[in-house]
Amino acid sequence: MPKTQTRYVCQECGRVAASYMGKCPQCGSFNSMVEEVIHDESAKKTKAVRGLTGRSAPRSIGEVSSDAEDRIHLPIGEFARVLGGGIVPGSIVLVGGDPGIGKSTLMLQMAMEMASQKRVLYVSGEESERQIKMRAVRLNGKKELPKNLLLVTETNLEVILNHISEVKPELLIVDSIQTVYLSEMDSSAGSVSQVRECSSQLRELAKTSGITVFVIGHVTKEGTIAGPRVLEHIVDTVLYLEGDRFQAYRLLRSVKNRFGATSEVGVFEMREGGLAEVTNPSEAFLAERMINAAGSSIAVTMEGTRPILVEIQGLTSPTQFGNARRTANGVDFNRLLLIAAVLTRRAGFKLAEQDIFVNVVGGLQIDEPAADLAIAAAIASSWKDVPIKAEAVLIGEIGLAGELRMPGQMPARLREAQKLGFKTAIVPRAIRKGEGWPKDIEIIEVRSVQEALNAVLKIPDVGKAPRKMA
């Protein structure tokens, strides 16, 4: 009988321990240690030397061919933007997102689009072929289903590799990596060792055969992809499909991309026929804006290389309790506290007894500080009950002294605002001369939050008490 060994592996970070521990000493998670049984034979196979090409030999960098392979054209423009311009042959892409956000829907739409020019194999471990076809008929409408799209329901990776060798697809989709397992390993599907080993074999398949592999991954309650962090290091590109299930918009965000820019964003709208592209997200986010409403301002945020105009709403209300509340939806909570403190200390707003609520319309999450000035203006507008100029955008980072600092890529932000018809832009005063501003939009340069609020609210002494309602 071969000897067996028992070890305990943390399902959150991959820490291996010889005995059970209630709390992982590496990541601090509780009850995440799962027992795994390892045979000597499987350990030998794991330790065997593996290579991507079988026969590898060092070559001079000058001898390596520099002819770049052409990217595969992807008809879904927003998806192609996030990937960097198209699909790179032989790459492996990880797509993550919350349950029910639309990962399988987006991948099936892409599979049907690509099946018109490539042979596509869709491997599902969660749905049967009949269920996938039902969804494909709903997404495709009255169009004929592509014949080059092959479906199979399988979770054993050895059997999947046999199907690939027989079918010889050019594009492989695995839904999802947590359901795939290797029979030579005793651990269950979805464990750290299974996810890591299956992903490694799929990566070797992509690099040796030139097949492009798309892998769908579940996320944990913390919002990270389930399994060890090494899974994100194995793949070439990591994409997250974000959004609120109660909102219509979905954001496909690039977190890692070896073949393009990171933090690139594609915007989709969930409809009855699947995910539809939103080619002009700024116009979509501002479509239902109420003009001349107090507490509403327009910010220009950069998502990758794309400027997007969003509406930021602020609301102040006298608190009913001893401590005033601060609620942030779509912006960083600590950033909101900083802005409220600057308004109180530097601009004279008495916000200590005011509940402050800030919301970004459309479900967009803004992480960059360039939206600080728009957040401050929305709060000040609500406190004064005076609307902000409807045709103005506000761009700038706020410092603790109340000064404004210049964010990056300002000309691109101003051109996007000009394209959508805005006439005025409140920006920090430029110290260093760079690229010129667009000519068809009025630029008001200010040095402090006080000057910006005076310019955009058009009332003197903005820090005084608000006007009384009739």
Protein backbone atom coordinates (compact mmCIF):
# COMPACT_ATOMS: atom_id res chain seq x y z
CA MET A 1 0.00 0.00 0.00
CA PRO A 2 1.44 3.43 -0.88
CA LYS A 3 1.95 5.78 2.04
CA THR A 4 -0.37 8.73 2.36
CA GLN A 5 0.18 12.10 3.92
CA THR A 6 -2.35 14.50 5.33
CA ARG A 7 -2.02 18.27 5.18
CA TYR A 8 -4.29 21.24 5.73
CA VAL A 9 -4.56 23.99 3.11
CA CYS A 10 -6.16 27.41 3.59
CA GLN A 11 -8.83 27.95 0.95
CA GLU A 12 -8.31 31.72 1.00
CA CYS A 13 -4.55 32.19 0.63
CA GLY A 14 -3.13 28.68 0.03
CA ARG A 15 -1.13 28.42 3.28
CA VAL A 16 -0.15 24.78 3.97
CA ALA A 17 0.05 23.46 7.53
CA ALA A 18 0.80 20.04 8.97
CA SER A 19 -2.00 20.22 11.54
CA TYR A 20 -5.41 21.85 11.70
CA MET A 21 -5.64 25.47 12.84
CA GLY A 22 -8.84 27.36 13.43
CA LYS A 23 -7.32 30.63 12.19
CA CYS A 24 -4.92 30.89 9.26
CA PRO A 25 -1.73 32.63 10.46
CA GLN A 26 -1.12 34.15 7.01
CA CYS A 27 -4.43 35.73 6.00
CA GLY A 28 -6.27 35.64 9.33
CA SER A 29 -9.39 33.87 8.02
CA PHE A 30 -11.24 31.50 10.35
CA ASN A 31 -12.23 27.89 9.58
CA SER A 32 -10.61 28.02 6.14
CA MET A 33 -8.22 25.07 6.66
CA VAL A 34 -9.35 22.03 4.65
CA GLU A 35 -7.80 18.58 4.96
CA GLU A 36 -6.14 17.10 1.87
CA VAL A 37 -4.76 13.58 1.45
CA ILE A 38 -1.64 13.23 -0.73
CA HIS A 39 -0.30 9.91 -2.07
CA ASP A 40 3.36 9.39 -2.84
CA GLU A 41 2.59 8.65 -6.50
CA SER A 42 0.73 11.88 -7.01
CA ALA A 43 3.50 13.76 -5.19
CA LYS A 44 6.04 12.34 -7.63
CA LYS A 45 3.94 13.46 -10.56
CA THR A 46 3.67 16.94 -9.07
CA LYS A 47 7.42 17.17 -8.64
CA ALA A 48 8.14 16.00 -12.17
CA VAL A 49 9.75 18.52 -14.50
CA ARG A 50 7.17 20.15 -16.73
CA GLY A 51 7.70 22.51 -19.61
CA LEU A 52 5.63 24.61 -21.94
CA THR A 53 7.15 23.34 -25.17
CA GLY A 54 8.66 19.97 -24.23
CA ARG A 55 12.03 20.82 -25.78
CA SER A 56 13.38 24.16 -24.70
CA ALA A 57 16.78 25.63 -25.58
CA PRO A 58 18.19 29.08 -24.76
CA ARG A 59 18.50 31.41 -27.77
CA SER A 60 19.96 34.83 -28.28
CA ILE A 61 17.39 37.61 -28.13
CA GLY A 62 18.46 38.72 -31.60
CA GLU A 63 17.51 35.30 -33.02
CA VAL A 64 13.99 35.43 -31.65
CA SER A 65 11.42 36.37 -34.28
CA SER A 66 9.97 39.81 -33.62
CA ASP A 67 6.95 39.41 -35.88
CA ALA A 68 3.97 40.10 -33.66
CA GLU A 69 0.95 37.91 -34.19
CA ASP A 70 -2.11 39.77 -35.32
CA ARG A 71 -4.87 40.00 -32.76
CA ILE A 72 -8.10 38.19 -33.50
CA HIS A 73 -10.86 40.66 -34.30
CA LEU A 74 -13.62 40.69 -31.68
CA PRO A 75 -16.95 42.10 -32.92
CA ILE A 76 -17.90 43.29 -29.41
CA GLY A 77 -16.12 46.64 -29.36
CA GLU A 78 -16.28 47.28 -25.60
CA PHE A 79 -14.85 43.82 -24.90
CA ALA A 80 -12.08 44.37 -27.46
CA ARG A 81 -11.21 47.72 -25.84
CA VAL A 82 -10.69 46.07 -22.44
CA LEU A 83 -8.54 43.32 -23.94
CA GLY A 84 -6.33 45.91 -25.62
CA GLY A 85 -7.70 45.82 -29.17
CA GLY A 86 -8.65 42.19 -29.70
CA ILE A 87 -7.90 38.62 -28.65
CA VAL A 88 -4.25 37.58 -28.48
CA PRO A 89 -3.74 34.00 -29.80
CA GLY A 90 -2.36 31.64 -27.18
CA SER A 91 -3.35 33.80 -24.22
CA ILE A 92 -5.33 32.78 -21.14
CA VAL A 93 -7.90 35.23 -19.75
CA LEU A 94 -9.61 35.04 -16.36
CA VAL A 95 -13.09 36.61 -16.05
CA GLY A 96 -14.45 37.11 -12.52
CA GLY A 97 -17.52 38.67 -11.03
CA ASP A 98 -20.33 38.29 -8.51
CA PRO A 99 -22.90 35.50 -8.98
CA GLY A 100 -25.63 36.53 -11.40
CA ILE A 101 -23.78 39.59 -12.69
CA GLY A 102 -23.67 38.26 -16.28
CA LYS A 103 -20.32 36.46 -16.72
CA SER A 104 -21.73 33.41 -18.49
CA THR A 105 -24.04 35.60 -20.57
CA LEU A 106 -21.16 37.78 -21.78
CA MET A 107 -18.95 34.78 -22.58
CA LEU A 108 -21.73 33.01 -24.49
CA GLN A 109 -22.39 36.18 -26.51
CA MET A 110 -18.69 36.39 -27.31
CA ALA A 111 -18.62 32.68 -28.24
CA MET A 112 -21.49 33.10 -30.70
CA GLU A 113 -19.87 36.16 -32.26
CA MET A 114 -16.49 34.44 -32.62
CA ALA A 115 -18.00 31.22 -33.97
CA SER A 116 -18.61 32.97 -37.29
CA GLN A 117 -14.85 33.11 -37.91
CA LYS A 118 -13.29 30.60 -35.48
CA ARG A 119 -14.01 27.16 -34.05
CA VAL A 120 -15.16 27.62 -30.44
CA LEU A 121 -15.52 25.00 -27.69
CA TYR A 122 -17.66 26.00 -24.69
CA VAL A 123 -17.04 23.73 -21.69
CA SER A 124 -19.53 24.09 -18.84
CA GLY A 125 -19.43 22.41 -15.47
CA GLU A 126 -22.56 24.11 -14.19
CA GLU A 127 -25.13 23.84 -17.00
CA SER A 128 -26.16 21.14 -19.44
CA GLU A 129 -25.93 21.56 -23.21
CA ARG A 130 -29.72 21.98 -23.37
CA GLN A 131 -29.69 24.79 -20.80
CA ILE A 132 -26.88 26.58 -22.63
CA LYS A 133 -28.80 26.33 -25.92
CA MET A 134 -31.92 27.79 -24.29
CA ARG A 135 -29.89 30.81 -23.21
CA ALA A 136 -28.23 31.06 -26.62
CA VAL A 137 -31.62 31.10 -28.38
CA ARG A 138 -32.76 33.90 -26.07
CA LEU A 139 -29.61 35.92 -26.71
CA ASN A 140 -29.46 35.29 -30.46
CA GLY A 141 -33.09 36.12 -31.17
CA LYS A 142 -34.27 34.93 -34.56
CA LYS A 143 -30.80 34.50 -35.98
CA GLU A 144 -29.48 31.06 -36.83
CA LEU A 145 -27.18 29.57 -34.21
CA PRO A 146 -23.55 29.19 -35.40
CA LYS A 147 -22.44 25.67 -36.28
CA ASN A 148 -18.83 26.27 -35.22
CA LEU A 149 -19.89 26.67 -31.58
CA LEU A 150 -19.51 23.32 -29.81
CA LEU A 151 -20.96 22.66 -26.35
CA VAL A 152 -19.95 20.05 -23.79
CA THR A 153 -20.75 19.54 -20.12
CA GLU A 154 -17.70 18.10 -18.38
CA THR A 155 -15.72 18.69 -15.18
CA ASN A 156 -12.88 16.17 -15.53
CA LEU A 157 -9.88 18.01 -16.98
CA GLU A 158 -8.41 14.86 -18.55
CA VAL A 159 -11.62 14.30 -20.51
CA ILE A 160 -11.72 17.98 -21.48
CA LEU A 161 -8.19 17.77 -22.87
CA ASN A 162 -9.21 14.71 -24.90
CA HIS A 163 -12.15 16.67 -26.37
CA ILE A 164 -9.78 19.50 -27.26
CA SER A 165 -7.39 17.15 -29.06
CA GLU A 166 -10.29 15.72 -31.10
CA VAL A 167 -12.16 18.97 -31.86
CA LYS A 168 -9.07 21.22 -32.23
CA PRO A 169 -10.80 24.51 -31.34
CA GLU A 170 -9.20 27.92 -31.75
CA LEU A 171 -11.05 29.37 -28.78
CA LEU A 172 -11.80 27.57 -25.49
CA ILE A 173 -14.17 28.78 -22.76
CA VAL A 174 -14.23 27.06 -19.35
CA ASP A 175 -17.22 27.84 -17.11
CA SER A 176 -16.06 27.74 -14.38
CA ILE A 177 -12.58 26.89 -13.11
CA GLN A 178 -13.97 26.03 -9.65
CA THR A 179 -15.91 23.07 -11.09
CA VAL A 180 -12.97 21.50 -12.99
CA TYR A 181 -10.88 18.84 -11.26
CA LEU A 182 -8.02 16.39 -11.86
CA SER A 183 -8.82 12.78 -10.91
CA GLU A 184 -5.23 12.11 -9.81
CA MET A 185 -5.66 14.54 -6.92
CA ASP A 186 -7.74 13.55 -3.90
CA SER A 187 -8.96 17.03 -3.06
CA SER A 188 -12.41 18.15 -4.16
CA ALA A 189 -13.14 20.47 -7.07
CA GLY A 190 -12.72 24.13 -6.19
CA SER A 191 -10.00 23.56 -3.60
CA VAL A 192 -6.75 25.49 -3.72
CA SER A 193 -4.68 22.63 -5.15
CA GLN A 194 -7.28 21.72 -7.81
CA VAL A 195 -7.74 25.31 -9.00
CA ARG A 196 -4.01 25.92 -9.12
CA GLU A 197 -3.14 22.70 -10.97
CA CYS A 198 -6.01 22.91 -13.47
CA SER A 199 -5.17 26.53 -14.27
CA SER A 200 -1.52 25.62 -14.80
CA GLN A 201 -2.41 22.87 -17.26
CA LEU A 202 -4.77 25.19 -19.16
CA ARG A 203 -2.00 27.78 -19.36
CA GLU A 204 0.40 25.19 -20.79
CA LEU A 205 -2.28 24.20 -23.31
CA ALA A 206 -2.66 27.82 -24.43
CA LYS A 207 1.08 28.44 -24.78
CA THR A 208 1.88 25.21 -26.63
CA SER A 209 -1.10 24.98 -28.98
CA GLY A 210 -1.94 28.65 -29.59
CA ILE A 211 -5.52 28.15 -28.38
CA THR A 212 -6.98 31.19 -26.63
CA VAL A 213 -8.48 30.15 -23.29
CA PHE A 214 -11.14 32.10 -21.38
CA VAL A 215 -11.68 30.95 -17.80
CA ILE A 216 -14.62 32.07 -15.65
CA GLY A 217 -13.95 32.35 -11.91
CA HIS A 218 -16.24 32.89 -8.96
CA VAL A 219 -15.55 35.60 -6.40
CA THR A 220 -15.68 35.46 -2.62
CA LYS A 221 -17.78 37.69 -0.36
CA GLU A 222 -14.80 40.05 -0.10
CA GLY A 223 -14.95 40.59 -3.88
CA THR A 224 -11.77 38.68 -4.82
CA ILE A 225 -11.59 35.68 -7.12
CA ALA A 226 -12.06 32.45 -5.17
CA GLY A 227 -8.92 30.37 -4.78
CA PRO A 228 -5.30 31.37 -4.23
CA ARG A 229 -3.87 34.64 -5.52
CA VAL A 230 -1.51 32.55 -7.63
CA LEU A 231 -4.45 32.00 -10.00
CA GLU A 232 -4.25 35.66 -11.06
CA HIS A 233 -0.49 35.33 -11.56
CA ILE A 234 -0.87 32.29 -13.83
CA VAL A 235 -3.13 33.95 -16.40
CA ASP A 236 -2.23 36.72 -18.85
CA THR A 237 -5.28 38.91 -18.31
CA VAL A 238 -7.67 39.35 -15.37
CA LEU A 239 -11.07 40.92 -16.03
CA TYR A 240 -13.76 41.78 -13.49
CA LEU A 241 -17.42 42.21 -14.43
CA GLU A 242 -18.77 44.72 -11.93
CA GLY A 243 -22.07 46.40 -11.23
CA ASP A 244 -25.14 46.28 -9.06
CA ARG A 245 -27.62 43.55 -9.94
CA PHE A 246 -30.39 46.10 -9.41
CA GLN A 247 -28.79 48.49 -11.91
CA ALA A 248 -28.84 48.06 -15.68
CA TYR A 249 -25.17 48.92 -16.29
CA ARG A 250 -22.26 46.50 -16.09
CA LEU A 251 -18.59 47.48 -16.13
CA LEU A 252 -15.95 45.12 -17.51
CA ARG A 253 -12.70 46.23 -15.89
CA SER A 254 -9.17 45.10 -16.73
CA VAL A 255 -7.14 44.53 -13.55
CA LYS A 256 -4.14 42.85 -15.19
CA ASN A 257 -3.25 42.74 -18.87
CA ARG A 258 0.08 41.65 -20.31
CA PHE A 259 -0.98 42.77 -23.78
CA GLY A 260 -2.68 46.10 -23.12
CA ALA A 261 -3.46 48.87 -20.66
CA THR A 262 -4.74 48.04 -17.19
CA SER A 263 -7.75 49.70 -15.55
CA GLU A 264 -9.45 49.88 -18.96
CA VAL A 265 -13.24 49.75 -18.72
CA GLY A 266 -15.97 48.55 -21.07
CA VAL A 267 -19.56 49.58 -20.34
CA PHE A 268 -22.54 47.30 -21.03
CA GLU A 269 -26.25 47.52 -20.37
CA MET A 270 -28.20 44.46 -19.30
CA ARG A 271 -31.23 43.99 -21.51
CA GLU A 272 -33.65 41.18 -22.31
CA GLY A 273 -31.45 40.07 -25.20
CA GLY A 274 -28.25 40.03 -23.14
CA LEU A 275 -25.51 42.59 -22.58
CA ALA A 276 -25.59 45.49 -25.05
CA GLU A 277 -22.63 47.81 -25.63
CA VAL A 278 -22.79 51.40 -24.36
CA THR A 279 -20.54 53.27 -26.79
CA ASN A 280 -21.08 56.65 -25.08
CA PRO A 281 -21.24 55.95 -21.33
CA SER A 282 -21.08 59.64 -20.36
CA GLU A 283 -24.31 60.37 -22.20
CA ALA A 284 -25.94 57.29 -20.65
CA PHE A 285 -24.96 58.25 -17.09
CA LEU A 286 -26.28 61.81 -17.56
CA ALA A 287 -29.50 60.89 -19.41
CA GLU A 288 -31.81 61.17 -16.38
CA ARG A 289 -30.11 64.15 -14.78
CA MET A 290 -32.39 66.81 -13.30
CA ILE A 291 -31.16 70.23 -14.43
CA ASN A 292 -30.77 73.01 -11.82
CA ALA A 293 -31.28 70.67 -8.87
CA ALA A 294 -29.47 71.54 -5.67
CA GLY A 295 -26.83 69.00 -4.65
CA SER A 296 -25.99 67.80 -8.19
CA SER A 297 -22.60 68.26 -9.83
CA ILE A 298 -20.74 66.79 -12.81
CA ALA A 299 -17.33 65.14 -12.45
CA VAL A 300 -15.01 63.86 -15.18
CA THR A 301 -13.30 60.64 -14.14
CA MET A 302 -10.77 58.57 -16.07
CA GLU A 303 -11.43 54.86 -16.45
CA GLY A 304 -8.23 53.63 -18.02
CA THR A 305 -7.74 55.80 -21.08
CA ARG A 306 -11.41 56.78 -21.37
CA PRO A 307 -12.86 59.93 -19.75
CA ILE A 308 -16.39 59.46 -18.39
CA LEU A 309 -18.72 62.17 -17.16
CA VAL A 310 -20.82 61.15 -14.16
CA GLU A 311 -23.33 62.92 -11.96
CA ILE A 312 -22.48 63.16 -8.27
CA GLN A 313 -25.34 63.84 -5.89
CA GLY A 314 -24.90 65.28 -2.40
CA LEU A 315 -27.46 65.71 0.33
CA THR A 316 -27.14 67.31 3.76
CA SER A 317 -29.78 66.97 6.45
CA PRO A 318 -29.83 68.00 10.13
CA THR A 319 -28.92 64.97 12.20
CA GLN A 320 -31.48 63.45 14.54
CA PHE A 321 -28.84 61.81 16.72
CA GLY A 322 -25.78 62.90 18.65
CA ASN A 323 -23.27 61.93 15.95
CA ALA A 324 -23.78 63.00 12.35
CA ARG A 325 -23.79 60.25 9.73
CA ARG A 326 -21.58 60.06 6.64
CA THR A 327 -22.82 57.76 3.86
CA ALA A 328 -20.86 57.23 0.64
CA ASN A 329 -22.17 55.27 -2.34
CA GLY A 330 -19.71 55.02 -5.23
CA VAL A 331 -16.93 57.08 -3.60
CA ASP A 332 -14.36 56.23 -0.96
CA PHE A 333 -15.72 56.73 2.55
CA ASN A 334 -12.44 58.09 3.94
CA ARG A 335 -12.26 60.54 1.04
CA LEU A 336 -15.73 61.81 1.96
CA LEU A 337 -14.62 62.40 5.55
CA LEU A 338 -11.60 64.35 4.30
CA ILE A 339 -13.70 66.56 2.01
CA ALA A 340 -16.26 67.24 4.75
CA ALA A 341 -13.47 68.23 7.14
CA VAL A 342 -11.93 70.61 4.59
CA LEU A 343 -15.31 72.24 3.90
CA THR A 344 -15.85 72.72 7.62
CA ARG A 345 -12.38 74.03 8.45
CA ARG A 346 -11.32 75.91 5.30
CA ALA A 347 -14.61 77.02 3.71
CA GLY A 348 -16.67 77.79 6.81
CA PHE A 349 -19.44 75.23 6.33
CA LYS A 350 -21.00 74.05 9.58
CA LEU A 351 -21.35 70.36 8.80
CA ALA A 352 -20.75 68.91 12.27
CA GLU A 353 -24.50 68.57 12.89
CA GLN A 354 -25.40 67.59 9.32
CA ASP A 355 -25.87 64.07 7.97
CA ILE A 356 -24.05 63.90 4.62
CA PHE A 357 -25.00 61.50 1.83
CA VAL A 358 -23.04 61.23 -1.44
CA ASN A 359 -24.11 59.07 -4.38
CA VAL A 360 -22.62 58.41 -7.82
CA VAL A 361 -25.45 57.94 -10.34
CA GLY A 362 -25.37 54.77 -12.45
CA GLY A 363 -23.57 52.49 -10.01
CA LEU A 364 -20.09 53.64 -11.04
CA GLN A 365 -17.29 53.37 -8.46
CA ILE A 366 -14.93 56.38 -8.45
CA ASP A 367 -11.54 55.82 -6.84
CA GLU A 368 -9.46 58.71 -8.19
CA PRO A 369 -9.17 62.03 -6.29
CA ALA A 370 -10.00 64.13 -9.37
CA ALA A 371 -13.67 63.98 -8.32
CA ASP A 372 -12.99 65.70 -4.98
CA LEU A 373 -14.07 69.13 -6.18
CA ALA A 374 -17.34 67.81 -7.64
CA ILE A 375 -18.12 66.02 -4.35
CA ALA A 376 -17.40 69.18 -2.36
CA ALA A 377 -19.56 71.28 -4.68
CA ALA A 378 -22.47 68.82 -4.42
CA ILE A 379 -22.32 68.94 -0.61
CA ALA A 380 -22.06 72.75 -0.58
CA SER A 381 -24.90 73.09 -3.07
CA SER A 382 -27.19 70.94 -0.94
CA TRP A 383 -26.25 72.76 2.27
CA LYS A 384 -26.90 76.16 0.66
CA ASP A 385 -29.90 74.83 -1.32
CA VAL A 386 -28.50 76.62 -4.37
CA PRO A 387 -28.08 74.74 -7.68
CA ILE A 388 -24.74 74.52 -9.45
CA LYS A 389 -24.43 75.97 -12.94
CA ALA A 390 -25.95 73.30 -15.19
CA GLU A 391 -23.36 73.65 -17.95
CA ALA A 392 -20.30 73.41 -15.65
CA VAL A 393 -18.02 70.49 -14.84
CA LEU A 394 -15.70 70.41 -11.83
CA ILE A 395 -12.30 68.71 -11.90
CA GLY A 396 -9.68 68.84 -9.16
CA GLU A 397 -8.08 67.15 -6.18
CA ILE A 398 -8.53 68.79 -2.77
CA GLY A 399 -5.66 69.11 -0.28
CA LEU A 400 -5.93 69.46 3.48
CA ALA A 401 -5.13 73.17 3.27
CA GLY A 402 -8.12 73.70 0.99
CA GLU A 403 -5.94 74.05 -2.11
CA LEU A 404 -6.72 72.40 -5.46
CA ARG A 405 -4.26 70.18 -7.27
CA MET A 406 -4.14 69.31 -10.96
CA PRO A 407 -5.07 65.70 -11.88
CA GLY A 408 -3.61 63.87 -14.85
CA GLN A 409 -4.90 63.80 -18.44
CA MET A 410 -6.75 67.10 -18.09
CA PRO A 411 -7.00 67.88 -21.86
CA ALA A 412 -8.74 64.55 -22.50
CA ARG A 413 -11.24 65.27 -19.72
CA LEU A 414 -12.00 68.73 -21.07
CA ARG A 415 -12.44 67.46 -24.64
CA GLU A 416 -14.99 64.91 -23.42
CA ALA A 417 -16.90 67.61 -21.53
CA GLN A 418 -16.85 69.86 -24.59
CA LYS A 419 -18.12 67.02 -26.77
CA LEU A 420 -21.19 66.61 -24.55
CA GLY A 421 -22.04 70.32 -24.68
CA PHE A 422 -20.70 71.66 -21.39
CA LYS A 423 -19.66 75.32 -21.60
CA THR A 424 -17.63 75.86 -18.41
CA ALA A 425 -14.96 73.89 -16.55
CA ILE A 426 -13.73 74.68 -13.03
CA VAL A 427 -10.14 73.42 -12.83
CA PRO A 428 -7.06 74.04 -10.62
CA ARG A 429 -4.74 76.80 -11.75
CA ALA A 430 -1.97 75.36 -13.91
CA ILE A 431 1.51 75.96 -12.55
CA ARG A 432 3.37 74.05 -15.25
CA LYS A 433 2.53 74.78 -18.85
CA GLY A 434 1.62 71.69 -20.83
CA GLU A 435 -0.83 70.85 -23.59
CA GLY A 436 -3.21 73.69 -24.37
CA TRP A 437 -6.85 73.68 -23.28
CA PRO A 438 -9.68 73.20 -25.79
CA LYS A 439 -10.89 76.53 -27.19
CA ASP A 440 -14.65 75.95 -27.26
CA ILE A 441 -15.07 75.62 -23.49
CA GLU A 442 -14.59 78.33 -20.88
CA ILE A 443 -11.82 77.43 -18.43
CA ILE A 444 -12.02 78.97 -14.94
CA GLU A 445 -8.79 78.39 -13.05
CA VAL A 446 -8.96 78.58 -9.26
CA ARG A 447 -6.50 77.94 -6.44
CA SER A 448 -8.75 76.92 -3.54
CA VAL A 449 -12.07 75.28 -2.74
CA GLN A 450 -13.44 78.64 -1.63
CA GLU A 451 -12.74 80.21 -5.04
CA ALA A 452 -14.22 77.24 -6.87
CA LEU A 453 -17.47 77.35 -4.88
CA ASN A 454 -17.74 81.13 -5.38
CA ALA A 455 -17.39 80.61 -9.13
CA VAL A 456 -19.78 77.70 -9.53
CA LEU A 457 -22.53 78.69 -7.05
CA LYS A 458 -22.54 82.36 -8.08
CA ILE A 459 -23.31 83.65 -4.59
CA PRO A 460 -21.00 85.62 -2.26
CA ASP A 461 -19.75 84.17 1.04
CA VAL A 462 -20.68 80.58 0.34
CA GLY A 463 -19.71 79.55 3.87
CA LYS A 464 -22.55 81.46 5.53
CA ALA A 465 -25.75 79.85 6.70
CA PRO A 466 -28.14 78.61 3.99
CA ARG A 467 -31.11 80.62 2.90
CA LYS A 468 -34.43 79.89 4.55
CA MET A 469 -37.07 78.02 2.64
CA ALA A 470 -40.25 79.91 1.91
